[in-house]
Amino acid sequence: MNHKAVYALYSNVVWIDETLGPHDKDGNKVTIDMSAVNAWVDPKAYIENRRAEYPSFIDYLDGVVKGDQAQIDKCIADCNAVKAKYPM
């Protein structure tokens, strides 16, 4: 079960047990629509996707220190490619 989706879609859910399912603050079971949970897309998923694929900032800084504009430009281009792949 996608806990993040359940919490995003059902504000009354305060805890989830894999066996017992989602519950509200009073311990009552909350009925959820699993098709909605499964269809939910994290609107901030691009943040983690970008973080995982961005090139190392060390390469950029190395280019700055060396005055290597081609290396700097490549780092910027690589970052922009990741941003294009995972737009906001």
N, C-alpha and C. Protein backbone atom coordinates (compact mmCIF):
# COMPACT_ATOMS: atom_id res chain seq x y z
N MET A 1 0.85 -1.18 0.00
CA MET A 1 0.00 0.00 0.00
C MET A 1 0.90 1.24 0.00
N ASN A 2 0.55 2.19 -0.83
CA ASN A 2 1.31 3.44 -0.93
C ASN A 2 0.84 4.38 0.19
N HIS A 3 1.59 4.37 1.30
CA HIS A 3 1.21 5.17 2.46
C HIS A 3 1.15 6.66 2.15
N LYS A 4 2.13 7.12 1.37
CA LYS A 4 2.17 8.54 1.04
C LYS A 4 0.90 8.96 0.30
N ALA A 5 0.44 8.11 -0.61
CA ALA A 5 -0.79 8.40 -1.36
C ALA A 5 -2.00 8.41 -0.44
N VAL A 6 -2.06 7.45 0.48
CA VAL A 6 -3.20 7.38 1.40
C VAL A 6 -3.26 8.64 2.25
N TYR A 7 -2.11 9.04 2.81
CA TYR A 7 -2.09 10.25 3.64
C TYR A 7 -2.45 11.49 2.82
N ALA A 8 -2.02 11.53 1.56
CA ALA A 8 -2.32 12.69 0.72
C ALA A 8 -3.79 12.76 0.34
N LEU A 9 -4.39 11.61 0.09
CA LEU A 9 -5.79 11.57 -0.37
C LEU A 9 -6.81 11.56 0.77
N TYR A 10 -6.41 11.09 1.94
CA TYR A 10 -7.35 10.95 3.06
C TYR A 10 -6.77 11.66 4.28
N SER A 11 -7.16 12.90 4.48
CA SER A 11 -6.59 13.71 5.56
C SER A 11 -6.98 13.19 6.94
N ASN A 12 -8.00 12.36 7.03
CA ASN A 12 -8.40 11.83 8.33
C ASN A 12 -7.59 10.60 8.75
N VAL A 13 -6.78 10.07 7.87
CA VAL A 13 -5.95 8.91 8.21
C VAL A 13 -4.73 9.40 9.00
N VAL A 14 -4.52 8.78 10.18
CA VAL A 14 -3.37 9.16 11.00
C VAL A 14 -2.38 8.02 11.18
N TRP A 15 -2.80 6.79 10.94
CA TRP A 15 -1.86 5.67 10.96
C TRP A 15 -2.35 4.55 10.07
N ILE A 16 -1.35 3.79 9.57
CA ILE A 16 -1.67 2.69 8.65
C ILE A 16 -0.92 1.45 9.13
N ASP A 17 -1.64 0.36 9.22
CA ASP A 17 -1.05 -0.94 9.52
C ASP A 17 -1.20 -1.79 8.24
N GLU A 18 -0.14 -2.44 7.83
CA GLU A 18 -0.20 -3.23 6.58
C GLU A 18 -1.27 -4.31 6.63
N THR A 19 -1.56 -4.84 7.79
CA THR A 19 -2.56 -5.89 7.92
C THR A 19 -3.96 -5.32 8.17
N LEU A 20 -4.02 -4.33 9.05
CA LEU A 20 -5.32 -3.78 9.46
C LEU A 20 -5.82 -2.64 8.57
N GLY A 21 -4.92 -2.02 7.82
CA GLY A 21 -5.30 -0.92 6.94
C GLY A 21 -5.21 0.44 7.62
N PRO A 22 -5.76 1.48 6.97
CA PRO A 22 -5.68 2.84 7.51
C PRO A 22 -6.72 3.10 8.59
N HIS A 23 -6.34 3.97 9.54
CA HIS A 23 -7.23 4.31 10.66
C HIS A 23 -7.19 5.80 10.94
N ASP A 24 -8.28 6.27 11.52
CA ASP A 24 -8.34 7.69 11.90
C ASP A 24 -7.82 7.87 13.32
N LYS A 25 -7.91 9.08 13.84
CA LYS A 25 -7.36 9.41 15.16
C LYS A 25 -8.04 8.65 16.30
N ASP A 26 -9.26 8.21 16.06
CA ASP A 26 -10.00 7.47 17.09
C ASP A 26 -9.82 5.95 16.97
N GLY A 27 -9.00 5.53 16.02
CA GLY A 27 -8.76 4.10 15.83
C GLY A 27 -9.77 3.42 14.93
N ASN A 28 -10.64 4.20 14.31
CA ASN A 28 -11.63 3.64 13.39
C ASN A 28 -11.00 3.38 12.03
N LYS A 29 -11.35 2.25 11.44
CA LYS A 29 -10.85 1.92 10.11
C LYS A 29 -11.43 2.89 9.09
N VAL A 30 -10.58 3.37 8.19
CA VAL A 30 -10.99 4.29 7.14
C VAL A 30 -11.06 3.51 5.83
N THR A 31 -12.20 3.59 5.17
CA THR A 31 -12.36 2.93 3.87
C THR A 31 -11.74 3.80 2.80
N ILE A 32 -10.89 3.19 1.99
CA ILE A 32 -10.22 3.95 0.93
C ILE A 32 -10.48 3.31 -0.42
N ASP A 33 -10.33 4.10 -1.45
CA ASP A 33 -10.48 3.65 -2.83
C ASP A 33 -9.08 3.30 -3.34
N MET A 34 -8.78 2.01 -3.43
CA MET A 34 -7.44 1.58 -3.83
C MET A 34 -7.10 1.99 -5.25
N SER A 35 -8.10 2.12 -6.11
CA SER A 35 -7.79 2.55 -7.48
C SER A 35 -7.30 4.00 -7.46
N ALA A 36 -7.86 4.82 -6.59
CA ALA A 36 -7.39 6.21 -6.45
C ALA A 36 -5.99 6.24 -5.84
N VAL A 37 -5.77 5.39 -4.84
CA VAL A 37 -4.45 5.32 -4.21
C VAL A 37 -3.40 4.87 -5.23
N ASN A 38 -3.72 3.87 -6.01
CA ASN A 38 -2.78 3.36 -7.01
C ASN A 38 -2.55 4.34 -8.15
N ALA A 39 -3.53 5.17 -8.44
CA ALA A 39 -3.41 6.14 -9.53
C ALA A 39 -2.71 7.43 -9.09
N TRP A 40 -2.58 7.65 -7.79
CA TRP A 40 -2.00 8.89 -7.27
C TRP A 40 -0.56 9.04 -7.70
N VAL A 41 -0.22 10.23 -8.12
CA VAL A 41 1.15 10.55 -8.51
C VAL A 41 1.64 11.65 -7.59
N ASP A 42 2.76 11.41 -6.95
CA ASP A 42 3.33 12.38 -6.03
C ASP A 42 3.72 13.64 -6.80
N PRO A 43 3.11 14.79 -6.47
CA PRO A 43 3.42 16.01 -7.21
C PRO A 43 4.84 16.52 -6.95
N LYS A 44 5.51 15.97 -5.96
CA LYS A 44 6.88 16.39 -5.68
C LYS A 44 7.90 15.30 -5.99
N ALA A 45 7.50 14.29 -6.73
CA ALA A 45 8.40 13.20 -7.08
C ALA A 45 9.59 13.69 -7.90
N TYR A 46 9.39 14.76 -8.65
CA TYR A 46 10.48 15.28 -9.47
C TYR A 46 11.70 15.66 -8.63
N ILE A 47 11.48 16.04 -7.37
CA ILE A 47 12.60 16.46 -6.52
C ILE A 47 13.58 15.31 -6.30
N GLU A 48 13.06 14.16 -5.90
CA GLU A 48 13.92 13.00 -5.68
C GLU A 48 14.50 12.47 -6.98
N ASN A 49 13.69 12.50 -8.03
CA ASN A 49 14.19 12.04 -9.33
C ASN A 49 15.35 12.89 -9.80
N ARG A 50 15.22 14.20 -9.67
CA ARG A 50 16.31 15.10 -10.05
C ARG A 50 17.53 14.87 -9.18
N ARG A 51 17.31 14.79 -7.89
CA ARG A 51 18.44 14.62 -6.95
C ARG A 51 19.26 13.38 -7.31
N ALA A 52 18.58 12.32 -7.69
CA ALA A 52 19.27 11.07 -8.02
C ALA A 52 20.08 11.16 -9.31
N GLU A 53 19.69 12.05 -10.21
CA GLU A 53 20.35 12.09 -11.52
C GLU A 53 21.21 13.32 -11.79
N TYR A 54 21.14 14.33 -10.93
CA TYR A 54 21.99 15.50 -11.16
C TYR A 54 23.46 15.09 -11.13
N PRO A 55 24.26 15.73 -11.96
CA PRO A 55 25.69 15.45 -11.89
C PRO A 55 26.27 16.02 -10.60
N SER A 56 27.44 15.56 -10.25
CA SER A 56 28.09 16.02 -9.03
C SER A 56 28.44 17.50 -9.14
N PHE A 57 28.14 18.26 -8.09
CA PHE A 57 28.50 19.68 -8.09
C PHE A 57 30.01 19.86 -8.05
N ILE A 58 30.73 18.81 -7.65
CA ILE A 58 32.19 18.87 -7.59
C ILE A 58 32.76 19.09 -8.99
N ASP A 59 32.16 18.47 -9.99
CA ASP A 59 32.63 18.67 -11.36
C ASP A 59 32.48 20.12 -11.78
N TYR A 60 31.36 20.73 -11.38
CA TYR A 60 31.13 22.14 -11.70
C TYR A 60 32.18 23.02 -11.02
N LEU A 61 32.35 22.80 -9.72
CA LEU A 61 33.33 23.60 -8.98
C LEU A 61 34.74 23.39 -9.49
N ASP A 62 35.05 22.17 -9.86
CA ASP A 62 36.37 21.88 -10.43
C ASP A 62 36.58 22.69 -11.70
N GLY A 63 35.54 22.77 -12.53
CA GLY A 63 35.63 23.57 -13.75
C GLY A 63 35.81 25.05 -13.46
N VAL A 64 35.14 25.53 -12.42
CA VAL A 64 35.27 26.94 -12.03
C VAL A 64 36.70 27.22 -11.56
N VAL A 65 37.21 26.36 -10.69
CA VAL A 65 38.56 26.55 -10.15
C VAL A 65 39.60 26.51 -11.27
N LYS A 66 39.42 25.59 -12.20
CA LYS A 66 40.39 25.47 -13.31
C LYS A 66 40.16 26.50 -14.40
N GLY A 67 39.04 27.18 -14.35
CA GLY A 67 38.71 28.12 -15.42
C GLY A 67 38.37 27.40 -16.72
N ASP A 68 37.83 26.18 -16.59
CA ASP A 68 37.50 25.35 -17.75
C ASP A 68 36.04 25.58 -18.12
N GLN A 69 35.80 26.51 -19.04
CA GLN A 69 34.43 26.88 -19.40
C GLN A 69 33.68 25.72 -20.05
N ALA A 70 34.38 24.87 -20.79
CA ALA A 70 33.73 23.72 -21.42
C ALA A 70 33.18 22.77 -20.36
N GLN A 71 33.95 22.56 -19.28
CA GLN A 71 33.50 21.69 -18.19
C GLN A 71 32.31 22.32 -17.47
N ILE A 72 32.37 23.61 -17.25
CA ILE A 72 31.25 24.32 -16.61
C ILE A 72 30.00 24.22 -17.47
N ASP A 73 30.14 24.48 -18.76
CA ASP A 73 29.01 24.42 -19.68
C ASP A 73 28.40 23.02 -19.73
N LYS A 74 29.26 21.98 -19.69
CA LYS A 74 28.76 20.60 -19.71
C LYS A 74 27.94 20.32 -18.45
N CYS A 75 28.42 20.77 -17.31
CA CYS A 75 27.67 20.55 -16.06
C CYS A 75 26.32 21.24 -16.11
N ILE A 76 26.30 22.46 -16.60
CA ILE A 76 25.04 23.20 -16.72
C ILE A 76 24.10 22.49 -17.69
N ALA A 77 24.62 22.04 -18.81
CA ALA A 77 23.80 21.33 -19.79
C ALA A 77 23.25 20.02 -19.21
N ASP A 78 24.10 19.31 -18.46
CA ASP A 78 23.65 18.06 -17.83
C ASP A 78 22.53 18.33 -16.82
N CYS A 79 22.66 19.39 -16.04
CA CYS A 79 21.62 19.76 -15.07
C CYS A 79 20.32 20.13 -15.78
N ASN A 80 20.43 20.90 -16.84
CA ASN A 80 19.23 21.29 -17.59
C ASN A 80 18.55 20.10 -18.24
N ALA A 81 19.34 19.09 -18.66
CA ALA A 81 18.76 17.88 -19.24
C ALA A 81 17.95 17.12 -18.19
N VAL A 82 18.47 17.06 -16.96
CA VAL A 82 17.75 16.39 -15.87
C VAL A 82 16.46 17.16 -15.57
N LYS A 83 16.53 18.49 -15.53
CA LYS A 83 15.34 19.29 -15.27
C LYS A 83 14.28 19.08 -16.35
N ALA A 84 14.72 18.95 -17.59
CA ALA A 84 13.79 18.71 -18.69
C ALA A 84 13.16 17.33 -18.59
N LYS A 85 13.95 16.37 -18.12
CA LYS A 85 13.45 14.99 -17.98
C LYS A 85 12.41 14.88 -16.87
N TYR A 86 12.60 15.67 -15.79
CA TYR A 86 11.70 15.66 -14.64
C TYR A 86 11.18 17.08 -14.37
N PRO A 87 10.24 17.54 -15.17
CA PRO A 87 9.72 18.91 -14.95
C PRO A 87 8.89 18.98 -13.68
N MET A 88 8.69 20.21 -13.22
CA MET A 88 7.89 20.43 -12.02
C MET A 88 6.43 20.20 -12.29
